[in-house]
């Protein structure tokens, strides 16, 4: 069965798995996007909606990003 997998990370504690920051193709910004998580194991979450294969996501904790919906990556 094919699935989009997202490595487990600190983001889940901040978002409850409801959203993630997706990095733009040019790698300079990341935008908040809603996702829906399905199955999970000790290493990965299955993403049912909200991500396309190959998109990059920030999986670390989001505490330092505050209420921002877009962040600039330096």
N, C-alpha and C. Protein backbone atom coordinates (compact mmCIF):
# COMPACT_ATOMS: atom_id res chain seq x y z
N UNK A 1 0.84 -1.19 0.00
CA UNK A 1 0.00 0.00 0.00
C UNK A 1 0.88 1.24 0.00
N UNK A 2 0.64 2.15 -0.94
CA UNK A 2 1.41 3.39 -1.02
C UNK A 2 0.81 4.42 -0.07
N UNK A 3 1.71 5.21 0.53
CA UNK A 3 1.26 6.24 1.47
C UNK A 3 2.30 7.35 1.53
N UNK A 4 1.85 8.53 1.92
CA UNK A 4 2.77 9.63 2.20
C UNK A 4 3.11 9.53 3.68
N UNK A 5 4.40 9.42 3.98
CA UNK A 5 4.85 9.26 5.36
C UNK A 5 5.60 10.50 5.81
N UNK A 6 5.35 10.88 7.03
CA UNK A 6 5.99 12.04 7.64
C UNK A 6 6.71 11.56 8.89
N UNK A 7 8.03 11.80 8.98
CA UNK A 7 8.75 11.37 10.19
C UNK A 7 8.17 12.01 11.44
N UNK A 8 8.14 11.24 12.50
CA UNK A 8 7.66 11.77 13.78
C UNK A 8 8.62 12.86 14.24
N UNK A 9 8.07 13.89 14.88
CA UNK A 9 8.91 14.98 15.36
C UNK A 9 8.17 15.84 16.35
N UNK A 10 8.85 16.85 16.84
CA UNK A 10 8.31 17.74 17.87
C UNK A 10 7.10 18.55 17.43
N UNK A 11 6.89 18.69 16.11
CA UNK A 11 5.75 19.47 15.63
C UNK A 11 4.43 18.96 16.18
N UNK A 12 4.32 17.65 16.41
CA UNK A 12 3.05 17.04 16.83
C UNK A 12 2.59 17.59 18.18
N UNK A 13 3.52 17.87 19.08
CA UNK A 13 3.14 18.40 20.39
C UNK A 13 2.50 19.77 20.27
N UNK A 14 2.94 20.58 19.30
CA UNK A 14 2.38 21.92 19.12
C UNK A 14 1.10 21.94 18.31
N UNK A 15 0.96 20.98 17.39
CA UNK A 15 -0.15 21.04 16.43
C UNK A 15 -1.19 19.94 16.61
N UNK A 16 -0.85 18.93 17.40
CA UNK A 16 -1.75 17.79 17.53
C UNK A 16 -1.90 17.03 16.22
N UNK A 17 -1.00 17.28 15.29
CA UNK A 17 -1.06 16.62 14.00
C UNK A 17 -2.08 17.24 13.06
N UNK A 18 -2.61 18.40 13.41
CA UNK A 18 -3.63 19.06 12.59
C UNK A 18 -3.05 19.89 11.45
N UNK A 19 -1.80 20.33 11.61
CA UNK A 19 -1.15 21.15 10.59
C UNK A 19 0.36 21.06 10.71
N UNK A 20 1.03 21.46 9.62
CA UNK A 20 2.48 21.49 9.58
C UNK A 20 2.94 22.72 8.80
N UNK A 21 4.22 23.06 8.92
CA UNK A 21 4.82 24.08 8.08
C UNK A 21 5.46 23.38 6.89
N UNK A 22 4.98 23.70 5.67
CA UNK A 22 5.48 23.11 4.43
C UNK A 22 6.45 24.11 3.80
N UNK A 23 7.64 23.63 3.46
CA UNK A 23 8.67 24.48 2.88
C UNK A 23 8.38 24.69 1.39
N UNK A 24 8.44 25.97 0.95
CA UNK A 24 8.24 26.30 -0.46
C UNK A 24 9.33 25.66 -1.32
N UNK A 25 9.06 25.53 -2.61
CA UNK A 25 10.00 24.89 -3.53
C UNK A 25 11.36 25.56 -3.57
N UNK A 26 11.40 26.88 -3.39
CA UNK A 26 12.69 27.57 -3.41
C UNK A 26 13.43 27.52 -2.07
N UNK A 27 12.78 26.97 -1.04
CA UNK A 27 13.43 26.77 0.25
C UNK A 27 13.60 28.01 1.10
N UNK A 28 12.93 29.11 0.75
CA UNK A 28 13.12 30.35 1.50
C UNK A 28 12.01 30.64 2.50
N UNK A 29 10.86 30.00 2.35
CA UNK A 29 9.73 30.22 3.24
C UNK A 29 9.05 28.90 3.56
N UNK A 30 8.31 28.90 4.65
CA UNK A 30 7.47 27.75 5.01
C UNK A 30 6.10 28.29 5.39
N UNK A 31 5.06 27.62 4.93
CA UNK A 31 3.69 28.07 5.13
C UNK A 31 2.90 27.03 5.91
N UNK A 32 2.09 27.50 6.84
CA UNK A 32 1.23 26.63 7.64
C UNK A 32 0.17 26.00 6.75
N UNK A 33 0.00 24.67 6.85
CA UNK A 33 -0.99 23.98 6.05
C UNK A 33 -1.66 22.87 6.88
N UNK A 34 -2.96 22.77 6.76
CA UNK A 34 -3.72 21.72 7.44
C UNK A 34 -3.42 20.37 6.81
N UNK A 35 -3.32 19.35 7.66
CA UNK A 35 -3.15 17.98 7.20
C UNK A 35 -4.08 17.08 7.99
N UNK A 36 -4.21 15.85 7.50
CA UNK A 36 -4.96 14.84 8.25
C UNK A 36 -4.09 13.60 8.35
N UNK A 37 -3.85 13.17 9.58
CA UNK A 37 -2.98 12.02 9.85
C UNK A 37 -3.83 10.77 10.03
N UNK A 38 -3.33 9.67 9.47
CA UNK A 38 -4.00 8.37 9.61
C UNK A 38 -3.23 7.50 10.58
N UNK A 39 -2.77 6.37 10.05
CA UNK A 39 -2.02 5.42 10.88
C UNK A 39 -0.68 6.02 11.31
N UNK A 40 -0.12 5.43 12.36
CA UNK A 40 1.20 5.85 12.82
C UNK A 40 1.93 4.67 13.42
N UNK A 41 3.25 4.76 13.41
CA UNK A 41 4.09 3.77 14.08
C UNK A 41 5.17 4.55 14.83
N UNK A 42 6.10 3.89 15.48
CA UNK A 42 7.09 4.63 16.27
C UNK A 42 7.97 5.60 15.47
N UNK A 43 8.01 5.46 14.13
CA UNK A 43 8.88 6.31 13.33
C UNK A 43 8.14 7.30 12.43
N UNK A 44 6.93 6.97 12.00
CA UNK A 44 6.25 7.78 10.98
C UNK A 44 4.76 7.97 11.26
N UNK A 45 4.23 9.07 10.68
CA UNK A 45 2.79 9.30 10.59
C UNK A 45 2.40 9.11 9.13
N UNK A 46 1.26 8.52 8.88
CA UNK A 46 0.70 8.45 7.53
C UNK A 46 -0.13 9.72 7.31
N UNK A 47 0.13 10.44 6.22
CA UNK A 47 -0.61 11.67 5.93
C UNK A 47 -1.68 11.33 4.89
N UNK A 48 -2.95 11.49 5.26
CA UNK A 48 -4.06 11.17 4.38
C UNK A 48 -4.45 12.34 3.49
N UNK A 49 -4.29 13.56 3.99
CA UNK A 49 -4.66 14.76 3.24
C UNK A 49 -3.71 15.90 3.60
N UNK A 50 -3.49 16.79 2.62
CA UNK A 50 -2.77 18.03 2.89
C UNK A 50 -1.34 18.09 2.40
N UNK A 51 -0.75 16.97 2.02
CA UNK A 51 0.61 16.95 1.50
C UNK A 51 0.66 16.16 0.21
N UNK A 52 1.59 16.57 -0.65
CA UNK A 52 1.86 15.85 -1.89
C UNK A 52 3.21 15.15 -1.75
N UNK A 53 3.40 14.03 -2.44
CA UNK A 53 4.70 13.35 -2.38
C UNK A 53 5.84 14.29 -2.76
N UNK A 54 6.91 14.26 -1.99
CA UNK A 54 8.08 15.07 -2.26
C UNK A 54 8.11 16.43 -1.59
N UNK A 55 6.98 16.88 -1.04
CA UNK A 55 6.99 18.17 -0.33
C UNK A 55 7.79 18.04 0.96
N UNK A 56 8.51 19.11 1.31
CA UNK A 56 9.33 19.12 2.51
C UNK A 56 8.60 19.83 3.63
N UNK A 57 8.74 19.27 4.83
CA UNK A 57 8.01 19.76 6.01
C UNK A 57 8.99 19.96 7.15
N UNK A 58 8.77 20.99 7.96
CA UNK A 58 9.54 21.18 9.19
C UNK A 58 8.91 20.27 10.25
N UNK A 59 9.70 19.32 10.76
CA UNK A 59 9.16 18.37 11.74
C UNK A 59 9.62 18.65 13.16
N UNK A 60 10.52 19.62 13.34
CA UNK A 60 10.97 19.97 14.69
C UNK A 60 9.84 20.68 15.44
N UNK A 61 10.06 20.99 16.69
CA UNK A 61 9.05 21.70 17.49
C UNK A 61 8.75 23.08 16.93
N UNK A 62 7.53 23.54 17.11
CA UNK A 62 7.07 24.82 16.56
C UNK A 62 6.93 25.90 17.62
N UNK A 63 7.38 25.68 18.84
CA UNK A 63 7.20 26.64 19.92
C UNK A 63 7.74 28.02 19.57
N UNK A 64 8.87 28.08 18.89
CA UNK A 64 9.50 29.37 18.59
C UNK A 64 8.83 30.13 17.45
N UNK A 65 7.90 29.51 16.72
CA UNK A 65 7.25 30.16 15.58
C UNK A 65 6.03 30.98 15.98
N UNK A 66 5.58 30.82 17.20
CA UNK A 66 4.43 31.59 17.69
C UNK A 66 3.18 31.34 16.87
N UNK A 67 2.39 32.39 16.62
CA UNK A 67 1.13 32.26 15.89
C UNK A 67 1.30 32.54 14.41
N UNK A 68 2.53 32.59 13.92
CA UNK A 68 2.78 32.88 12.51
C UNK A 68 2.22 31.80 11.60
N UNK A 69 1.74 32.23 10.43
CA UNK A 69 1.25 31.27 9.42
C UNK A 69 2.25 31.11 8.30
N UNK A 70 3.28 31.97 8.26
CA UNK A 70 4.35 31.88 7.28
C UNK A 70 5.64 32.30 7.95
N UNK A 71 6.69 31.54 7.70
CA UNK A 71 7.99 31.87 8.29
C UNK A 71 9.04 31.92 7.19
N UNK A 72 10.05 32.76 7.40
CA UNK A 72 11.15 32.88 6.45
C UNK A 72 12.29 32.01 6.94
N UNK A 73 12.86 31.25 6.02
CA UNK A 73 13.97 30.35 6.36
C UNK A 73 15.27 31.02 5.94
N UNK A 74 16.22 31.07 6.86
CA UNK A 74 17.53 31.68 6.56
C UNK A 74 18.61 30.65 6.69
